[in-house]
Amino acid sequence: MEIENENVPVISTGEWVLTYLIAAIPVVGLVMLFVWAFGSDTNPNKANWAKAGLIWAAIVIGIYIVFAMAFGAAIIAALGHR
């Protein structure tokens, strides 16, 4: 973990509201999370928030895939017993 000793500007409440609004748009939000997480001009606090958001998105997608496979297998098995 790298600790930076530089002073960065505080992100205002209004900017956070706009950030959450943009992040809530389905495809645009995911793209923007990557831009904010890995962009060189992004405030480090927003970059860390975006990286955490991407980690949570990966976890949720992984859980979704596991459930989809389990339910898909159950449906296929149920249809096979007709």
PDB file of N, CA and C in Angstrom:
ATOM      1  N   MET A   1       0.841  -1.168   0.000  1.00  0.00           N
ATOM      2  CA  MET A   1       0.000   0.000   0.000  1.00  0.00           C
ATOM      3  C   MET A   1       0.888   1.232   0.000  1.00  0.00           C
ATOM      4  N   GLU A   2       0.656   2.094  -0.949  1.00  0.00           N
ATOM      5  CA  GLU A   2       1.470   3.287  -1.075  1.00  0.00           C
ATOM      6  C   GLU A   2       0.777   4.451  -0.376  1.00  0.00           C
ATOM      7  N   ILE A   3       1.502   5.117   0.490  1.00  0.00           N
ATOM      8  CA  ILE A   3       0.963   6.281   1.183  1.00  0.00           C
ATOM      9  C   ILE A   3       1.581   7.515   0.547  1.00  0.00           C
ATOM     10  N   GLU A   4       0.712   8.352   0.010  1.00  0.00           N
ATOM     11  CA  GLU A   4       1.187   9.570  -0.622  1.00  0.00           C
ATOM     12  C   GLU A   4       1.088  10.700   0.382  1.00  0.00           C
ATOM     13  N   ASN A   5       2.096  11.518   0.425  1.00  0.00           N
ATOM     14  CA  ASN A   5       2.157  12.591   1.395  1.00  0.00           C
ATOM     15  C   ASN A   5       1.832  13.939   0.768  1.00  0.00           C
ATOM     16  N   GLU A   6       1.052  13.929  -0.283  1.00  0.00           N
ATOM     17  CA  GLU A   6       0.735  15.181  -0.955  1.00  0.00           C
ATOM     18  C   GLU A   6      -0.670  15.635  -0.555  1.00  0.00           C
ATOM     19  N   ASN A   7      -0.880  16.925  -0.613  1.00  0.00           N
ATOM     20  CA  ASN A   7      -2.200  17.468  -0.333  1.00  0.00           C
ATOM     21  C   ASN A   7      -3.020  17.461  -1.609  1.00  0.00           C
ATOM     22  N   VAL A   8      -4.173  16.839  -1.552  1.00  0.00           N
ATOM     23  CA  VAL A   8      -5.064  16.801  -2.704  1.00  0.00           C
ATOM     24  C   VAL A   8      -6.318  17.583  -2.357  1.00  0.00           C
ATOM     25  N   PRO A   9      -6.939  18.191  -3.351  1.00  0.00           N
ATOM     26  CA  PRO A   9      -8.146  18.971  -3.063  1.00  0.00           C
ATOM     27  C   PRO A   9      -9.286  18.082  -2.583  1.00  0.00           C
ATOM     28  N   VAL A  10     -10.090  18.641  -1.704  1.00  0.00           N
ATOM     29  CA  VAL A  10     -11.248  17.928  -1.194  1.00  0.00           C
ATOM     30  C   VAL A  10     -12.307  17.879  -2.289  1.00  0.00           C
ATOM     31  N   ILE A  11     -12.937  16.714  -2.439  1.00  0.00           N
ATOM     32  CA  ILE A  11     -14.011  16.575  -3.416  1.00  0.00           C
ATOM     33  C   ILE A  11     -15.297  17.052  -2.751  1.00  0.00           C
ATOM     34  N   SER A  12     -15.954  17.994  -3.387  1.00  0.00           N
ATOM     35  CA  SER A  12     -17.155  18.591  -2.798  1.00  0.00           C
ATOM     36  C   SER A  12     -18.330  17.611  -2.833  1.00  0.00           C
ATOM     37  N   THR A  13     -19.324  17.895  -2.023  1.00  0.00           N
ATOM     38  CA  THR A  13     -20.528  17.072  -1.986  1.00  0.00           C
ATOM     39  C   THR A  13     -21.209  17.060  -3.354  1.00  0.00           C
ATOM     40  N   GLY A  14     -21.273  18.199  -3.989  1.00  0.00           N
ATOM     41  CA  GLY A  14     -21.892  18.274  -5.318  1.00  0.00           C
ATOM     42  C   GLY A  14     -21.177  17.408  -6.341  1.00  0.00           C
ATOM     43  N   GLU A  15     -19.848  17.399  -6.276  1.00  0.00           N
ATOM     44  CA  GLU A  15     -19.090  16.556  -7.209  1.00  0.00           C
ATOM     45  C   GLU A  15     -19.323  15.079  -6.923  1.00  0.00           C
ATOM     46  N   TRP A  16     -19.443  14.724  -5.630  1.00  0.00           N
ATOM     47  CA  TRP A  16     -19.735  13.331  -5.291  1.00  0.00           C
ATOM     48  C   TRP A  16     -21.124  12.935  -5.781  1.00  0.00           C
ATOM     49  N   VAL A  17     -22.093  13.832  -5.650  1.00  0.00           N
ATOM     50  CA  VAL A  17     -23.447  13.544  -6.141  1.00  0.00           C
ATOM     51  C   VAL A  17     -23.406  13.293  -7.645  1.00  0.00           C
ATOM     52  N   LEU A  18     -22.701  14.144  -8.376  1.00  0.00           N
ATOM     53  CA  LEU A  18     -22.562  13.956  -9.821  1.00  0.00           C
ATOM     54  C   LEU A  18     -21.814  12.665 -10.144  1.00  0.00           C
ATOM     55  N   THR A  19     -20.805  12.348  -9.362  1.00  0.00           N
ATOM     56  CA  THR A  19     -20.043  11.117  -9.566  1.00  0.00           C
ATOM     57  C   THR A  19     -20.938   9.890  -9.402  1.00  0.00           C
ATOM     58  N   TYR A  20     -21.747   9.875  -8.322  1.00  0.00           N
ATOM     59  CA  TYR A  20     -22.663   8.753  -8.094  1.00  0.00           C
ATOM     60  C   TYR A  20     -23.709   8.675  -9.202  1.00  0.00           C
ATOM     61  N   LEU A  21     -24.195   9.818  -9.660  1.00  0.00           N
ATOM     62  CA  LEU A  21     -25.192   9.835 -10.733  1.00  0.00           C
ATOM     63  C   LEU A  21     -24.617   9.227 -12.006  1.00  0.00           C
ATOM     64  N   ILE A  22     -23.419   9.631 -12.359  1.00  0.00           N
ATOM     65  CA  ILE A  22     -22.780   9.087 -13.568  1.00  0.00           C
ATOM     66  C   ILE A  22     -22.496   7.594 -13.390  1.00  0.00           C
ATOM     67  N   ALA A  23     -22.033   7.202 -12.211  1.00  0.00           N
ATOM     68  CA  ALA A  23     -21.717   5.795 -11.956  1.00  0.00           C
ATOM     69  C   ALA A  23     -22.965   4.916 -11.990  1.00  0.00           C
ATOM     70  N   ALA A  24     -24.148   5.501 -11.767  1.00  0.00           N
ATOM     71  CA  ALA A  24     -25.385   4.723 -11.748  1.00  0.00           C
ATOM     72  C   ALA A  24     -25.920   4.430 -13.143  1.00  0.00           C
ATOM     73  N   ILE A  25     -25.405   5.093 -14.167  1.00  0.00           N
ATOM     74  CA  ILE A  25     -25.839   4.833 -15.540  1.00  0.00           C
ATOM     75  C   ILE A  25     -25.205   3.518 -15.980  1.00  0.00           C
ATOM     76  N   PRO A  26     -26.015   2.536 -16.418  1.00  0.00           N
ATOM     77  CA  PRO A  26     -25.504   1.174 -16.613  1.00  0.00           C
ATOM     78  C   PRO A  26     -24.171   1.020 -17.335  1.00  0.00           C
ATOM     79  N   VAL A  27     -24.050   1.307 -18.582  1.00  0.00           N
ATOM     80  CA  VAL A  27     -22.793   1.047 -19.296  1.00  0.00           C
ATOM     81  C   VAL A  27     -21.809   2.192 -19.094  1.00  0.00           C
ATOM     82  N   VAL A  28     -22.309   3.408 -19.136  1.00  0.00           N
ATOM     83  CA  VAL A  28     -21.465   4.588 -18.967  1.00  0.00           C
ATOM     84  C   VAL A  28     -20.787   4.566 -17.594  1.00  0.00           C
ATOM     85  N   GLY A  29     -21.520   4.162 -16.571  1.00  0.00           N
ATOM     86  CA  GLY A  29     -20.972   4.112 -15.227  1.00  0.00           C
ATOM     87  C   GLY A  29     -19.799   3.165 -15.112  1.00  0.00           C
ATOM     88  N   LEU A  30     -19.915   2.009 -15.733  1.00  0.00           N
ATOM     89  CA  LEU A  30     -18.821   1.033 -15.684  1.00  0.00           C
ATOM     90  C   LEU A  30     -17.582   1.566 -16.408  1.00  0.00           C
ATOM     91  N   VAL A  31     -17.798   2.182 -17.561  1.00  0.00           N
ATOM     92  CA  VAL A  31     -16.679   2.771 -18.304  1.00  0.00           C
ATOM     93  C   VAL A  31     -16.026   3.879 -17.477  1.00  0.00           C
ATOM     94  N   MET A  32     -16.857   4.725 -16.857  1.00  0.00           N
ATOM     95  CA  MET A  32     -16.322   5.830 -16.063  1.00  0.00           C
ATOM     96  C   MET A  32     -15.569   5.334 -14.830  1.00  0.00           C
ATOM     97  N   LEU A  33     -16.010   4.209 -14.243  1.00  0.00           N
ATOM     98  CA  LEU A  33     -15.252   3.655 -13.118  1.00  0.00           C
ATOM     99  C   LEU A  33     -13.828   3.315 -13.544  1.00  0.00           C
ATOM    100  N   PHE A  34     -13.684   2.754 -14.754  1.00  0.00           N
ATOM    101  CA  PHE A  34     -12.336   2.456 -15.261  1.00  0.00           C
ATOM    102  C   PHE A  34     -11.553   3.742 -15.512  1.00  0.00           C
ATOM    103  N   VAL A  35     -12.215   4.756 -16.082  1.00  0.00           N
ATOM    104  CA  VAL A  35     -11.540   6.031 -16.351  1.00  0.00           C
ATOM    105  C   VAL A  35     -11.083   6.669 -15.046  1.00  0.00           C
ATOM    106  N   TRP A  36     -11.986   6.716 -14.050  1.00  0.00           N
ATOM    107  CA  TRP A  36     -11.622   7.323 -12.771  1.00  0.00           C
ATOM    108  C   TRP A  36     -10.583   6.493 -12.026  1.00  0.00           C
ATOM    109  N   ALA A  37     -10.672   5.178 -12.112  1.00  0.00           N
ATOM    110  CA  ALA A  37      -9.746   4.319 -11.368  1.00  0.00           C
ATOM    111  C   ALA A  37      -8.330   4.392 -11.917  1.00  0.00           C
ATOM    112  N   PHE A  38      -8.184   4.496 -13.225  1.00  0.00           N
ATOM    113  CA  PHE A  38      -6.855   4.386 -13.829  1.00  0.00           C
ATOM    114  C   PHE A  38      -6.419   5.634 -14.586  1.00  0.00           C
ATOM    115  N   GLY A  39      -7.223   6.701 -14.539  1.00  0.00           N
ATOM    116  CA  GLY A  39      -6.848   7.949 -15.197  1.00  0.00           C
ATOM    117  C   GLY A  39      -5.775   8.675 -14.402  1.00  0.00           C
ATOM    118  N   SER A  40      -4.890   9.340 -15.094  1.00  0.00           N
ATOM    119  CA  SER A  40      -3.774  10.005 -14.415  1.00  0.00           C
ATOM    120  C   SER A  40      -4.176  11.344 -13.791  1.00  0.00           C
ATOM    121  N   ASP A  41      -5.253  11.948 -14.272  1.00  0.00           N
ATOM    122  CA  ASP A  41      -5.663  13.259 -13.763  1.00  0.00           C
ATOM    123  C   ASP A  41      -6.751  13.180 -12.703  1.00  0.00           C
ATOM    124  N   THR A  42      -7.062  11.989 -12.217  1.00  0.00           N
ATOM    125  CA  THR A  42      -8.148  11.809 -11.266  1.00  0.00           C
ATOM    126  C   THR A  42      -7.658  12.034  -9.841  1.00  0.00           C
ATOM    127  N   ASN A  43      -8.483  12.691  -9.046  1.00  0.00           N
ATOM    128  CA  ASN A  43      -8.200  12.864  -7.616  1.00  0.00           C
ATOM    129  C   ASN A  43      -7.971  11.480  -7.006  1.00  0.00           C
ATOM    130  N   PRO A  44      -6.915  11.304  -6.219  1.00  0.00           N
ATOM    131  CA  PRO A  44      -6.618   9.972  -5.654  1.00  0.00           C
ATOM    132  C   PRO A  44      -7.764   9.388  -4.826  1.00  0.00           C
ATOM    133  N   ASN A  45      -8.529  10.240  -4.167  1.00  0.00           N
ATOM    134  CA  ASN A  45      -9.658   9.736  -3.387  1.00  0.00           C
ATOM    135  C   ASN A  45     -10.728   9.143  -4.292  1.00  0.00           C
ATOM    136  N   LYS A  46     -11.017   9.822  -5.408  1.00  0.00           N
ATOM    137  CA  LYS A  46     -11.995   9.304  -6.354  1.00  0.00           C
ATOM    138  C   LYS A  46     -11.456   8.056  -7.047  1.00  0.00           C
ATOM    139  N   ALA A  47     -10.156   8.026  -7.317  1.00  0.00           N
ATOM    140  CA  ALA A  47      -9.545   6.853  -7.950  1.00  0.00           C
ATOM    141  C   ALA A  47      -9.679   5.632  -7.049  1.00  0.00           C
ATOM    142  N   ASN A  48      -9.415   5.811  -5.758  1.00  0.00           N
ATOM    143  CA  ASN A  48      -9.554   4.690  -4.821  1.00  0.00           C
ATOM    144  C   ASN A  48     -11.008   4.250  -4.715  1.00  0.00           C
ATOM    145  N   TRP A  49     -11.930   5.196  -4.695  1.00  0.00           N
ATOM    146  CA  TRP A  49     -13.356   4.871  -4.648  1.00  0.00           C
ATOM    147  C   TRP A  49     -13.753   4.074  -5.900  1.00  0.00           C
ATOM    148  N   ALA A  50     -13.268   4.493  -7.067  1.00  0.00           N
ATOM    149  CA  ALA A  50     -13.594   3.802  -8.314  1.00  0.00           C
ATOM    150  C   ALA A  50     -13.001   2.394  -8.338  1.00  0.00           C
ATOM    151  N   LYS A  51     -11.795   2.236  -7.829  1.00  0.00           N
ATOM    152  CA  LYS A  51     -11.189   0.899  -7.764  1.00  0.00           C
ATOM    153  C   LYS A  51     -11.994  -0.012  -6.856  1.00  0.00           C
ATOM    154  N   ALA A  52     -12.448   0.524  -5.720  1.00  0.00           N
ATOM    155  CA  ALA A  52     -13.299  -0.265  -4.825  1.00  0.00           C
ATOM    156  C   ALA A  52     -14.614  -0.621  -5.511  1.00  0.00           C
ATOM    157  N   GLY A  53     -15.167   0.313  -6.277  1.00  0.00           N
ATOM    158  CA  GLY A  53     -16.393   0.029  -7.025  1.00  0.00           C
ATOM    159  C   GLY A  53     -16.194  -1.067  -8.051  1.00  0.00           C
ATOM    160  N   LEU A  54     -15.057  -1.068  -8.715  1.00  0.00           N
ATOM    161  CA  LEU A  54     -14.771  -2.123  -9.695  1.00  0.00           C
ATOM    162  C   LEU A  54     -14.606  -3.481  -9.013  1.00  0.00           C
ATOM    163  N   ILE A  55     -13.983  -3.491  -7.833  1.00  0.00           N
ATOM    164  CA  ILE A  55     -13.847  -4.749  -7.096  1.00  0.00           C
ATOM    165  C   ILE A  55     -15.227  -5.279  -6.721  1.00  0.00           C
ATOM    166  N   TRP A  56     -16.110  -4.392  -6.205  1.00  0.00           N
ATOM    167  CA  TRP A  56     -17.470  -4.826  -5.857  1.00  0.00           C
ATOM    168  C   TRP A  56     -18.237  -5.294  -7.087  1.00  0.00           C
ATOM    169  N   ALA A  57     -18.061  -4.618  -8.214  1.00  0.00           N
ATOM    170  CA  ALA A  57     -18.734  -5.038  -9.449  1.00  0.00           C
ATOM    171  C   ALA A  57     -18.270  -6.439  -9.853  1.00  0.00           C
ATOM    172  N   ALA A  58     -16.976  -6.711  -9.742  1.00  0.00           N
ATOM    173  CA  ALA A  58     -16.455  -8.040 -10.085  1.00  0.00           C
ATOM    174  C   ALA A  58     -17.023  -9.106  -9.147  1.00  0.00           C
ATOM    175  N   ILE A  59     -17.134  -8.785  -7.855  1.00  0.00           N
ATOM    176  CA  ILE A  59     -17.695  -9.735  -6.889  1.00  0.00           C
ATOM    177  C   ILE A  59     -19.154 -10.030  -7.227  1.00  0.00           C
ATOM    178  N   VAL A  60     -19.928  -8.984  -7.490  1.00  0.00           N
ATOM    179  CA  VAL A  60     -21.356  -9.158  -7.799  1.00  0.00           C
ATOM    180  C   VAL A  60     -21.536  -9.944  -9.091  1.00  0.00           C
ATOM    181  N   ILE A  61     -20.747  -9.640 -10.108  1.00  0.00           N
ATOM    182  CA  ILE A  61     -20.840 -10.376 -11.375  1.00  0.00           C
ATOM    183  C   ILE A  61     -20.459 -11.837 -11.164  1.00  0.00           C
ATOM    184  N   GLY A  62     -19.433 -12.104 -10.359  1.00  0.00           N
ATOM    185  CA  GLY A  62     -19.045 -13.484 -10.060  1.00  0.00           C
ATOM    186  C   GLY A  62     -20.159 -14.244  -9.361  1.00  0.00           C
ATOM    187  N   ILE A  63     -20.791 -13.622  -8.374  1.00  0.00           N
ATOM    188  CA  ILE A  63     -21.909 -14.264  -7.673  1.00  0.00           C
ATOM    189  C   ILE A  63     -23.070 -14.501  -8.629  1.00  0.00           C
ATOM    190  N   TYR A  64     -23.346 -13.528  -9.483  1.00  0.00           N
ATOM    191  CA  TYR A  64     -24.413 -13.672 -10.470  1.00  0.00           C
ATOM    192  C   TYR A  64     -24.140 -14.869 -11.383  1.00  0.00           C
ATOM    193  N   ILE A  65     -22.916 -15.019 -11.847  1.00  0.00           N
ATOM    194  CA  ILE A  65     -22.570 -16.129 -12.739  1.00  0.00           C
ATOM    195  C   ILE A  65     -22.758 -17.466 -12.028  1.00  0.00           C
ATOM    196  N   VAL A  66     -22.333 -17.553 -10.758  1.00  0.00           N
ATOM    197  CA  VAL A  66     -22.498 -18.805  -9.998  1.00  0.00           C
ATOM    198  C   VAL A  66     -23.980 -19.154  -9.868  1.00  0.00           C
ATOM    199  N   PHE A  67     -24.806 -18.172  -9.493  1.00  0.00           N
ATOM    200  CA  PHE A  67     -26.238 -18.424  -9.361  1.00  0.00           C
ATOM    201  C   PHE A  67     -26.879 -18.773 -10.704  1.00  0.00           C
ATOM    202  N   ALA A  68     -26.483 -18.082 -11.766  1.00  0.00           N
ATOM    203  CA  ALA A  68     -27.042 -18.369 -13.087  1.00  0.00           C
ATOM    204  C   ALA A  68     -26.690 -19.786 -13.528  1.00  0.00           C
ATOM    205  N   MET A  69     -25.475 -20.221 -13.255  1.00  0.00           N
ATOM    206  CA  MET A  69     -25.081 -21.581 -13.614  1.00  0.00           C
ATOM    207  C   MET A  69     -25.848 -22.605 -12.783  1.00  0.00           C
ATOM    208  N   ALA A  70     -26.015 -22.334 -11.484  1.00  0.00           N
ATOM    209  CA  ALA A  70     -26.728 -23.267 -10.616  1.00  0.00           C
ATOM    210  C   ALA A  70     -28.193 -23.383 -11.026  1.00  0.00           C
ATOM    211  N   PHE A  71     -28.847 -22.244 -11.232  1.00  0.00           N
ATOM    212  CA  PHE A  71     -30.252 -22.278 -11.634  1.00  0.00           C
ATOM    213  C   PHE A  71     -30.418 -22.822 -13.048  1.00  0.00           C
ATOM    214  N   GLY A  72     -29.471 -22.506 -13.920  1.00  0.00           N
ATOM    215  CA  GLY A  72     -29.530 -23.046 -15.278  1.00  0.00           C
ATOM    216  C   GLY A  72     -29.399 -24.547 -15.282  1.00  0.00           C
ATOM    217  N   ALA A  73     -28.493 -25.068 -14.460  1.00  0.00           N
ATOM    218  CA  ALA A  73     -28.331 -26.515 -14.359  1.00  0.00           C
ATOM    219  C   ALA A  73     -29.580 -27.166 -13.795  1.00  0.00           C
ATOM    220  N   ALA A  74     -30.205 -26.508 -12.808  1.00  0.00           N
ATOM    221  CA  ALA A  74     -31.433 -27.048 -12.204  1.00  0.00           C
ATOM    222  C   ALA A  74     -32.575 -27.077 -13.226  1.00  0.00           C
ATOM    223  N   ILE A  75     -32.666 -26.018 -14.023  1.00  0.00           N
ATOM    224  CA  ILE A  75     -33.727 -25.967 -15.043  1.00  0.00           C
ATOM    225  C   ILE A  75     -33.507 -27.030 -16.111  1.00  0.00           C
ATOM    226  N   ILE A  76     -32.259 -27.164 -16.555  1.00  0.00           N
ATOM    227  CA  ILE A  76     -31.948 -28.176 -17.566  1.00  0.00           C
ATOM    228  C   ILE A  76     -32.233 -29.570 -17.019  1.00  0.00           C
ATOM    229  N   ALA A  77     -31.886 -29.829 -15.757  1.00  0.00           N
ATOM    230  CA  ALA A  77     -32.140 -31.132 -15.144  1.00  0.00           C
ATOM    231  C   ALA A  77     -33.654 -31.373 -15.033  1.00  0.00           C
ATOM    232  N   ALA A  78     -34.412 -30.337 -14.677  1.00  0.00           N
ATOM    233  CA  ALA A  78     -35.863 -30.492 -14.540  1.00  0.00           C
ATOM    234  C   ALA A  78     -36.503 -30.734 -15.911  1.00  0.00           C
ATOM    235  N   LEU A  79     -36.020 -30.074 -16.935  1.00  0.00           N
ATOM    236  CA  LEU A  79     -36.578 -30.285 -18.272  1.00  0.00           C
ATOM    237  C   LEU A  79     -36.191 -31.645 -18.817  1.00  0.00           C
ATOM    238  N   GLY A  80     -35.076 -32.183 -18.383  1.00  0.00           N
ATOM    239  CA  GLY A  80     -34.616 -33.486 -18.837  1.00  0.00           C
ATOM    240  C   GLY A  80     -35.437 -34.630 -18.256  1.00  0.00           C
ATOM    241  N   HIS A  81     -36.131 -34.408 -17.172  1.00  0.00           N
ATOM    242  CA  HIS A  81     -36.937 -35.441 -16.528  1.00  0.00           C
ATOM    243  C   HIS A  81     -38.376 -35.454 -17.004  1.00  0.00           C
ATOM    244  N   ARG A  82     -38.689 -34.772 -18.050  1.00  0.00           N
ATOM    245  CA  ARG A  82     -40.071 -34.712 -18.552  1.00  0.00           C
ATOM    246  C   ARG A  82     -40.468 -36.011 -19.107  1.00  0.00           C
TER     247      ARG A  82
END
